[in-house]
Amino acid sequence: MADPDQIAVAADALQNDAAVWDEVGEKLTTAANAVIGLRSSDAVFCWKGDALFASYGTVVDAVSAYLQDGSATATAGATELRNVREMYIRNEEDNVSTTTGLWEAQY
């Protein structure tokens, strides 16, 4: 069994880390949306040809997809950290209830 202060510190650290990863996910989503805004019409590229326009579109799509995937992964990581926090607290509570009175004399 851990000291209650140690449990609180560990639980707070997991919660704080989860908040950081949530923020990372939000920023990556914002970046992905900004990249989508970089789409352009083929009129802008008409002097360079369809191949450049197609390549540019492919790059924009790829970068946006990578950023969205990163956002989803960061958010999933935050959720997992919260799950670990809850499991840690629950297991510690179970251990305390199991061992309470274990060494006391039974009459």
N, C-alpha and C. Protein backbone atom coordinates (compact mmCIF):
# COMPACT_ATOMS: atom_id res chain seq x y z
N MET A 1 0.84 -1.18 0.00
CA MET A 1 0.00 0.00 0.00
C MET A 1 0.88 1.24 0.00
N ALA A 2 0.48 2.17 -0.81
CA ALA A 2 1.18 3.44 -0.88
C ALA A 2 0.59 4.40 0.15
N ASP A 3 1.39 5.35 0.51
CA ASP A 3 0.95 6.43 1.39
C ASP A 3 -0.13 7.23 0.65
N PRO A 4 -1.18 7.67 1.35
CA PRO A 4 -2.24 8.44 0.67
C PRO A 4 -1.72 9.68 -0.07
N ASP A 5 -0.68 10.32 0.47
CA ASP A 5 -0.11 11.47 -0.22
C ASP A 5 0.55 11.05 -1.53
N GLN A 6 1.21 9.89 -1.53
CA GLN A 6 1.83 9.38 -2.75
C GLN A 6 0.77 9.06 -3.80
N ILE A 7 -0.34 8.51 -3.36
CA ILE A 7 -1.44 8.20 -4.29
C ILE A 7 -1.98 9.49 -4.90
N ALA A 8 -2.17 10.50 -4.07
CA ALA A 8 -2.69 11.78 -4.56
C ALA A 8 -1.73 12.42 -5.56
N VAL A 9 -0.43 12.37 -5.26
CA VAL A 9 0.56 12.94 -6.17
C VAL A 9 0.56 12.19 -7.50
N ALA A 10 0.54 10.87 -7.45
CA ALA A 10 0.54 10.07 -8.68
C ALA A 10 -0.74 10.31 -9.48
N ALA A 11 -1.88 10.36 -8.81
CA ALA A 11 -3.15 10.59 -9.50
C ALA A 11 -3.17 11.98 -10.14
N ASP A 12 -2.67 12.97 -9.41
CA ASP A 12 -2.61 14.34 -9.96
C ASP A 12 -1.68 14.40 -11.17
N ALA A 13 -0.56 13.70 -11.10
CA ALA A 13 0.39 13.70 -12.22
C ALA A 13 -0.25 13.09 -13.46
N LEU A 14 -0.96 11.99 -13.29
CA LEU A 14 -1.63 11.35 -14.42
C LEU A 14 -2.71 12.27 -15.00
N GLN A 15 -3.45 12.94 -14.12
CA GLN A 15 -4.49 13.86 -14.58
C GLN A 15 -3.87 15.05 -15.33
N ASN A 16 -2.78 15.58 -14.81
CA ASN A 16 -2.10 16.70 -15.46
C ASN A 16 -1.52 16.30 -16.81
N ASP A 17 -0.94 15.12 -16.88
CA ASP A 17 -0.42 14.62 -18.16
C ASP A 17 -1.54 14.45 -19.19
N ALA A 18 -2.67 13.94 -18.73
CA ALA A 18 -3.81 13.77 -19.63
C ALA A 18 -4.27 15.13 -20.17
N ALA A 19 -4.27 16.14 -19.33
CA ALA A 19 -4.67 17.48 -19.77
C ALA A 19 -3.71 18.02 -20.82
N VAL A 20 -2.42 17.74 -20.65
CA VAL A 20 -1.43 18.18 -21.64
C VAL A 20 -1.71 17.52 -22.99
N TRP A 21 -1.98 16.21 -22.97
CA TRP A 21 -2.24 15.50 -24.23
C TRP A 21 -3.55 15.93 -24.86
N ASP A 22 -4.54 16.29 -24.04
CA ASP A 22 -5.78 16.87 -24.60
C ASP A 22 -5.48 18.17 -25.34
N GLU A 23 -4.64 18.99 -24.73
CA GLU A 23 -4.27 20.26 -25.35
C GLU A 23 -3.50 20.03 -26.66
N VAL A 24 -2.61 19.05 -26.66
CA VAL A 24 -1.88 18.71 -27.89
C VAL A 24 -2.87 18.30 -28.97
N GLY A 25 -3.84 17.47 -28.61
CA GLY A 25 -4.85 17.03 -29.57
C GLY A 25 -5.64 18.21 -30.14
N GLU A 26 -6.01 19.15 -29.28
CA GLU A 26 -6.74 20.33 -29.74
C GLU A 26 -5.91 21.17 -30.70
N LYS A 27 -4.64 21.34 -30.37
CA LYS A 27 -3.77 22.15 -31.24
C LYS A 27 -3.54 21.46 -32.59
N LEU A 28 -3.41 20.15 -32.57
CA LEU A 28 -3.26 19.43 -33.83
C LEU A 28 -4.52 19.52 -34.69
N THR A 29 -5.68 19.48 -34.07
CA THR A 29 -6.93 19.66 -34.82
C THR A 29 -6.99 21.05 -35.42
N THR A 30 -6.60 22.05 -34.64
CA THR A 30 -6.57 23.43 -35.15
C THR A 30 -5.63 23.53 -36.35
N ALA A 31 -4.46 22.90 -36.23
CA ALA A 31 -3.50 22.92 -37.34
C ALA A 31 -4.05 22.21 -38.56
N ALA A 32 -4.71 21.07 -38.36
CA ALA A 32 -5.29 20.33 -39.49
C ALA A 32 -6.33 21.17 -40.21
N ASN A 33 -7.15 21.87 -39.45
CA ASN A 33 -8.17 22.73 -40.06
C ASN A 33 -7.52 23.90 -40.81
N ALA A 34 -6.43 24.41 -40.27
CA ALA A 34 -5.72 25.49 -40.96
C ALA A 34 -5.13 25.00 -42.27
N VAL A 35 -4.61 23.78 -42.28
CA VAL A 35 -4.02 23.22 -43.49
C VAL A 35 -5.11 23.03 -44.55
N ILE A 36 -6.27 22.57 -44.13
CA ILE A 36 -7.37 22.40 -45.08
C ILE A 36 -7.71 23.75 -45.73
N GLY A 37 -7.56 24.82 -44.95
CA GLY A 37 -7.81 26.16 -45.47
C GLY A 37 -6.80 26.60 -46.53
N LEU A 38 -5.73 25.86 -46.68
CA LEU A 38 -4.72 26.18 -47.70
C LEU A 38 -5.10 25.65 -49.08
N ARG A 39 -6.21 24.95 -49.15
CA ARG A 39 -6.67 24.46 -50.46
C ARG A 39 -6.83 25.64 -51.39
N SER A 40 -6.60 25.40 -52.61
CA SER A 40 -6.67 26.46 -53.60
C SER A 40 -7.44 25.97 -54.81
N SER A 41 -7.92 26.90 -55.57
CA SER A 41 -8.61 26.51 -56.80
C SER A 41 -7.58 26.25 -57.89
N ASP A 42 -7.99 25.50 -58.88
CA ASP A 42 -7.06 25.21 -59.97
C ASP A 42 -6.75 26.46 -60.78
N ALA A 43 -7.55 27.51 -60.63
CA ALA A 43 -7.28 28.77 -61.35
C ALA A 43 -5.96 29.38 -60.89
N VAL A 44 -5.64 29.22 -59.61
CA VAL A 44 -4.40 29.76 -59.09
C VAL A 44 -3.20 29.07 -59.74
N PHE A 45 -3.36 27.80 -60.07
CA PHE A 45 -2.27 27.01 -60.62
C PHE A 45 -2.35 26.87 -62.15
N CYS A 46 -3.30 27.54 -62.78
CA CYS A 46 -3.50 27.31 -64.21
C CYS A 46 -2.25 27.61 -65.03
N TRP A 47 -1.43 28.52 -64.59
CA TRP A 47 -0.23 28.85 -65.35
C TRP A 47 0.86 27.79 -65.17
N LYS A 48 0.70 26.91 -64.16
CA LYS A 48 1.69 25.85 -63.92
C LYS A 48 1.20 24.48 -64.38
N GLY A 49 -0.08 24.35 -64.58
CA GLY A 49 -0.59 23.08 -65.09
C GLY A 49 -1.28 22.24 -64.04
N ASP A 50 -1.99 21.25 -64.53
CA ASP A 50 -2.78 20.36 -63.67
C ASP A 50 -1.92 19.50 -62.76
N ALA A 51 -0.73 19.14 -63.19
CA ALA A 51 0.13 18.26 -62.38
C ALA A 51 0.52 18.95 -61.07
N LEU A 52 0.86 20.23 -61.13
CA LEU A 52 1.22 20.95 -59.91
C LEU A 52 0.02 21.08 -58.98
N PHE A 53 -1.13 21.37 -59.56
CA PHE A 53 -2.35 21.49 -58.75
C PHE A 53 -2.66 20.16 -58.06
N ALA A 54 -2.54 19.08 -58.77
CA ALA A 54 -2.80 17.75 -58.20
C ALA A 54 -1.81 17.43 -57.09
N SER A 55 -0.53 17.74 -57.31
CA SER A 55 0.50 17.49 -56.30
C SER A 55 0.25 18.32 -55.05
N TYR A 56 -0.09 19.59 -55.25
CA TYR A 56 -0.36 20.48 -54.13
C TYR A 56 -1.54 19.94 -53.31
N GLY A 57 -2.59 19.53 -53.98
CA GLY A 57 -3.75 18.97 -53.30
C GLY A 57 -3.40 17.72 -52.51
N THR A 58 -2.56 16.87 -53.08
CA THR A 58 -2.13 15.65 -52.41
C THR A 58 -1.36 15.97 -51.14
N VAL A 59 -0.48 16.96 -51.21
CA VAL A 59 0.30 17.37 -50.03
C VAL A 59 -0.62 17.93 -48.95
N VAL A 60 -1.55 18.80 -49.33
CA VAL A 60 -2.48 19.37 -48.36
C VAL A 60 -3.29 18.26 -47.69
N ASP A 61 -3.80 17.32 -48.47
CA ASP A 61 -4.58 16.21 -47.91
C ASP A 61 -3.74 15.36 -46.96
N ALA A 62 -2.50 15.07 -47.35
CA ALA A 62 -1.63 14.22 -46.53
C ALA A 62 -1.30 14.90 -45.20
N VAL A 63 -0.93 16.17 -45.25
CA VAL A 63 -0.57 16.89 -44.03
C VAL A 63 -1.78 16.99 -43.10
N SER A 64 -2.93 17.30 -43.68
CA SER A 64 -4.15 17.38 -42.87
C SER A 64 -4.47 16.04 -42.22
N ALA A 65 -4.34 14.97 -42.98
CA ALA A 65 -4.62 13.63 -42.44
C ALA A 65 -3.65 13.26 -41.33
N TYR A 66 -2.36 13.57 -41.51
CA TYR A 66 -1.37 13.29 -40.47
C TYR A 66 -1.69 14.06 -39.19
N LEU A 67 -2.07 15.31 -39.34
CA LEU A 67 -2.41 16.12 -38.17
C LEU A 67 -3.66 15.60 -37.48
N GLN A 68 -4.66 15.19 -38.25
CA GLN A 68 -5.87 14.62 -37.65
C GLN A 68 -5.55 13.31 -36.92
N ASP A 69 -4.71 12.47 -37.53
CA ASP A 69 -4.31 11.22 -36.88
C ASP A 69 -3.55 11.51 -35.58
N GLY A 70 -2.68 12.50 -35.63
CA GLY A 70 -1.94 12.88 -34.42
C GLY A 70 -2.87 13.38 -33.34
N SER A 71 -3.88 14.14 -33.73
CA SER A 71 -4.86 14.63 -32.76
C SER A 71 -5.62 13.47 -32.12
N ALA A 72 -6.06 12.53 -32.95
CA ALA A 72 -6.80 11.38 -32.42
C ALA A 72 -5.93 10.55 -31.48
N THR A 73 -4.66 10.39 -31.84
CA THR A 73 -3.75 9.61 -31.00
C THR A 73 -3.48 10.32 -29.67
N ALA A 74 -3.29 11.63 -29.71
CA ALA A 74 -3.06 12.39 -28.48
C ALA A 74 -4.28 12.32 -27.56
N THR A 75 -5.45 12.45 -28.14
CA THR A 75 -6.68 12.39 -27.35
C THR A 75 -6.87 11.00 -26.76
N ALA A 76 -6.57 9.98 -27.54
CA ALA A 76 -6.66 8.60 -27.03
C ALA A 76 -5.65 8.38 -25.90
N GLY A 77 -4.47 8.96 -26.04
CA GLY A 77 -3.47 8.86 -24.97
C GLY A 77 -3.95 9.51 -23.69
N ALA A 78 -4.61 10.66 -23.82
CA ALA A 78 -5.16 11.35 -22.64
C ALA A 78 -6.22 10.49 -21.97
N THR A 79 -7.07 9.88 -22.76
CA THR A 79 -8.11 9.01 -22.22
C THR A 79 -7.49 7.82 -21.50
N GLU A 80 -6.46 7.26 -22.08
CA GLU A 80 -5.79 6.10 -21.47
C GLU A 80 -5.13 6.50 -20.15
N LEU A 81 -4.52 7.68 -20.10
CA LEU A 81 -3.92 8.15 -18.85
C LEU A 81 -4.99 8.29 -17.76
N ARG A 82 -6.15 8.77 -18.12
CA ARG A 82 -7.24 8.88 -17.15
C ARG A 82 -7.71 7.50 -16.70
N ASN A 83 -7.76 6.56 -17.63
CA ASN A 83 -8.13 5.18 -17.27
C ASN A 83 -7.13 4.57 -16.30
N VAL A 84 -5.84 4.80 -16.55
CA VAL A 84 -4.79 4.29 -15.66
C VAL A 84 -4.93 4.92 -14.28
N ARG A 85 -5.21 6.22 -14.26
CA ARG A 85 -5.39 6.93 -12.99
C ARG A 85 -6.52 6.29 -12.19
N GLU A 86 -7.66 6.07 -12.83
CA GLU A 86 -8.81 5.47 -12.14
C GLU A 86 -8.50 4.05 -11.68
N MET A 87 -7.81 3.28 -12.51
CA MET A 87 -7.44 1.92 -12.14
C MET A 87 -6.48 1.92 -10.95
N TYR A 88 -5.53 2.83 -10.96
CA TYR A 88 -4.56 2.93 -9.87
C TYR A 88 -5.27 3.24 -8.55
N ILE A 89 -6.16 4.22 -8.59
CA ILE A 89 -6.89 4.60 -7.37
C ILE A 89 -7.77 3.44 -6.90
N ARG A 90 -8.49 2.83 -7.83
CA ARG A 90 -9.38 1.70 -7.49
C ARG A 90 -8.59 0.54 -6.89
N ASN A 91 -7.45 0.19 -7.51
CA ASN A 91 -6.64 -0.92 -6.98
C ASN A 91 -6.11 -0.60 -5.60
N GLU A 92 -5.71 0.63 -5.40
CA GLU A 92 -5.19 1.01 -4.08
C GLU A 92 -6.30 0.93 -3.03
N GLU A 93 -7.48 1.38 -3.39
CA GLU A 93 -8.62 1.30 -2.46
C GLU A 93 -8.96 -0.16 -2.16
N ASP A 94 -8.91 -1.01 -3.18
CA ASP A 94 -9.16 -2.44 -2.98
C ASP A 94 -8.13 -3.06 -2.05
N ASN A 95 -6.86 -2.68 -2.25
CA ASN A 95 -5.79 -3.21 -1.40
C ASN A 95 -5.98 -2.77 0.05
N VAL A 96 -6.37 -1.54 0.26
CA VAL A 96 -6.59 -1.04 1.62
C VAL A 96 -7.73 -1.81 2.27
N SER A 97 -8.82 -1.99 1.55
CA SER A 97 -9.96 -2.69 2.15
C SER A 97 -9.64 -4.16 2.40
N THR A 98 -8.80 -4.76 1.57
CA THR A 98 -8.42 -6.17 1.74
C THR A 98 -7.50 -6.36 2.93
N THR A 99 -6.58 -5.44 3.12
CA THR A 99 -5.57 -5.62 4.17
C THR A 99 -5.96 -4.99 5.49
N THR A 100 -7.00 -4.18 5.51
CA THR A 100 -7.43 -3.57 6.77
C THR A 100 -7.87 -4.67 7.73
N GLY A 101 -7.26 -4.67 8.88
CA GLY A 101 -7.59 -5.65 9.90
C GLY A 101 -6.98 -7.02 9.69
N LEU A 102 -6.16 -7.18 8.67
CA LEU A 102 -5.59 -8.47 8.36
C LEU A 102 -4.71 -9.01 9.51
N TRP A 103 -3.99 -8.10 10.17
CA TRP A 103 -3.09 -8.53 11.21
C TRP A 103 -3.68 -8.41 12.60
N GLU A 104 -4.94 -8.05 12.68
CA GLU A 104 -5.58 -7.93 13.98
C GLU A 104 -6.02 -9.31 14.46
N ALA A 105 -5.95 -9.48 15.76
CA ALA A 105 -6.35 -10.77 16.34
C ALA A 105 -7.86 -10.95 16.18
N GLN A 106 -8.23 -12.13 15.78
CA GLN A 106 -9.64 -12.47 15.62
C GLN A 106 -10.13 -13.13 16.91
N TYR A 107 -11.20 -12.65 17.48
CA TYR A 107 -11.72 -13.21 18.72
C TYR A 107 -12.96 -14.01 18.48
